[in-house]
Amino acid sequence: QVQVVESGGGLVQSGGSLRLSCAASGSVFSGYPMNWYRQAPGKEREFVAGISWTDSANYADSVKGRFTISRDNAKHTMVYLQMNNLQSEDTAVYYCNLVVSPNLIAWGQGTQVTVSS
């Protein structure tokens, strides 16, 4: 069984920064691909950023240059999402997932990020 827990959300003013954390535990080895998604009210969940087995990162166009995903050097089942220059359109619940296989993806419960203008 795999558990994923996000943390670090909160309320921030426009232009501010937050760092989200995602910790995976259970029957997992280090280095699995992990991703961040977000879901704003009334919208579908969308991809934000992902990090691969080789720690290659990719981003949604809407966050490129502002968000950075990284993996903890010691705890390879923990990833971070550094979010800079936050805007009101970044307000959403942010979810982390861990991809054990195409048929086994573990999701966290999400953490709320609210950006005030």
Protein backbone atom coordinates (compact mmCIF):
# COMPACT_ATOMS: atom_id res chain seq x y z
CA GLN A 1 0.00 0.00 0.00
CA VAL A 2 1.24 3.47 -0.90
CA GLN A 3 0.39 6.68 0.89
CA VAL A 4 0.94 10.18 -0.44
CA VAL A 5 0.64 13.27 1.74
CA GLU A 6 0.88 16.87 0.59
CA SER A 7 1.66 19.84 2.80
CA GLY A 8 2.65 23.48 2.58
CA GLY A 9 -0.46 25.08 1.15
CA GLY A 10 -1.88 28.31 2.47
CA LEU A 11 -2.88 31.87 1.74
CA VAL A 12 -0.42 34.14 -0.02
CA GLN A 13 -0.61 37.52 -1.69
CA SER A 14 -0.21 37.90 -5.43
CA GLY A 15 3.46 37.86 -6.33
CA GLY A 16 4.35 35.80 -3.30
CA SER A 17 5.84 32.32 -2.97
CA LEU A 18 4.99 28.99 -1.40
CA ARG A 19 6.73 25.63 -1.29
CA LEU A 20 4.62 22.52 -1.33
CA SER A 21 5.92 19.18 -0.11
CA CYS A 22 4.81 15.71 -1.07
CA ALA A 23 5.86 12.65 0.89
CA ALA A 24 5.23 9.10 -0.26
CA SER A 25 5.47 6.11 2.03
CA GLY A 26 4.59 2.45 2.11
CA SER A 27 5.53 -0.15 -0.44
CA VAL A 28 7.57 2.13 -2.66
CA PHE A 29 11.14 2.38 -3.74
CA SER A 30 12.88 5.66 -4.26
CA GLY A 31 12.87 7.48 -7.55
CA TYR A 32 9.36 6.81 -8.81
CA PRO A 33 7.93 9.47 -11.10
CA MET A 34 5.92 11.96 -9.14
CA ASN A 35 3.66 14.72 -10.33
CA TRP A 36 1.76 17.74 -9.15
CA TYR A 37 -1.74 18.50 -10.40
CA ARG A 38 -4.19 21.17 -9.38
CA GLN A 39 -7.91 21.68 -9.49
CA ALA A 40 -9.53 25.08 -9.29
CA PRO A 41 -13.22 25.51 -8.39
CA GLY A 42 -15.42 24.56 -11.31
CA LYS A 43 -12.50 23.32 -13.39
CA GLU A 44 -11.00 19.97 -14.21
CA ARG A 45 -7.84 18.73 -12.58
CA GLU A 46 -4.82 19.78 -14.61
CA PHE A 47 -1.17 18.79 -14.74
CA VAL A 48 1.26 21.27 -13.19
CA ALA A 49 4.68 19.65 -13.00
CA GLY A 50 6.30 16.24 -13.00
CA ILE A 51 9.63 14.66 -12.20
CA SER A 52 10.80 11.43 -13.80
CA TRP A 53 12.92 8.45 -12.75
CA THR A 54 15.97 10.39 -13.91
CA ASP A 55 14.83 13.56 -12.15
CA SER A 56 13.98 15.18 -15.44
CA ALA A 57 11.32 17.82 -14.87
CA ASN A 58 8.51 19.02 -17.06
CA TYR A 59 5.95 21.74 -16.56
CA ALA A 60 2.66 23.04 -17.79
CA ASP A 61 3.12 26.12 -19.93
CA SER A 62 1.17 28.19 -17.44
CA VAL A 63 3.76 27.67 -14.70
CA LYS A 64 7.03 27.49 -16.63
CA GLY A 65 9.55 29.94 -15.24
CA ARG A 66 7.62 30.35 -12.01
CA PHE A 67 7.35 26.85 -10.51
CA THR A 68 10.14 24.37 -9.86
CA ILE A 69 9.72 20.72 -8.99
CA SER A 70 12.55 18.94 -7.23
CA ARG A 71 13.24 15.70 -5.43
CA ASP A 72 14.75 15.51 -1.97
CA ASN A 73 18.36 14.35 -2.25
CA ALA A 74 18.11 12.19 0.85
CA LYS A 75 14.46 11.11 0.73
CA HIS A 76 13.87 10.18 -2.86
CA THR A 77 10.20 9.60 -2.16
CA MET A 78 9.71 13.26 -1.29
CA VAL A 79 9.29 16.00 -3.84
CA TYR A 80 8.78 19.71 -3.59
CA LEU A 81 7.03 22.30 -5.68
CA GLN A 82 8.52 25.75 -5.30
CA MET A 83 5.98 28.28 -6.52
CA ASN A 84 7.11 31.85 -7.15
CA ASN A 85 5.29 34.90 -8.44
CA LEU A 86 1.96 33.35 -7.58
CA GLN A 87 -1.10 34.78 -9.28
CA SER A 88 -4.80 34.55 -8.55
CA GLU A 89 -5.21 31.97 -11.31
CA ASP A 90 -2.91 29.65 -9.35
CA THR A 91 -5.55 29.34 -6.65
CA ALA A 92 -6.51 25.69 -6.48
CA VAL A 93 -6.22 22.49 -4.53
CA TYR A 94 -2.85 21.01 -5.36
CA TYR A 95 -2.52 17.24 -5.54
CA CYS A 96 0.56 15.07 -5.68
CA ASN A 97 0.75 11.61 -7.16
CA LEU A 98 3.29 8.83 -7.33
CA VAL A 99 3.35 6.57 -10.37
CA VAL A 100 4.23 3.04 -9.37
CA SER A 101 3.03 1.74 -12.73
CA PRO A 102 0.51 2.85 -15.36
CA ASN A 103 -2.08 0.88 -13.43
CA LEU A 104 -1.06 1.99 -9.96
CA ILE A 105 -1.00 5.69 -9.26
CA ALA A 106 -1.29 6.86 -5.69
CA TRP A 107 -2.85 10.26 -5.02
CA GLY A 108 -2.75 12.45 -1.97
CA GLN A 109 -5.69 14.30 -0.45
CA GLY A 110 -4.53 17.69 -1.69
CA THR A 111 -3.48 20.96 -0.14
CA GLN A 112 -5.24 24.28 -0.70
CA VAL A 113 -3.36 27.20 -2.22
CA THR A 114 -5.14 30.54 -2.22
CA VAL A 115 -3.62 33.60 -3.83
CA SER A 116 -5.16 36.94 -2.91
CA SER A 117 -4.92 39.91 -5.21
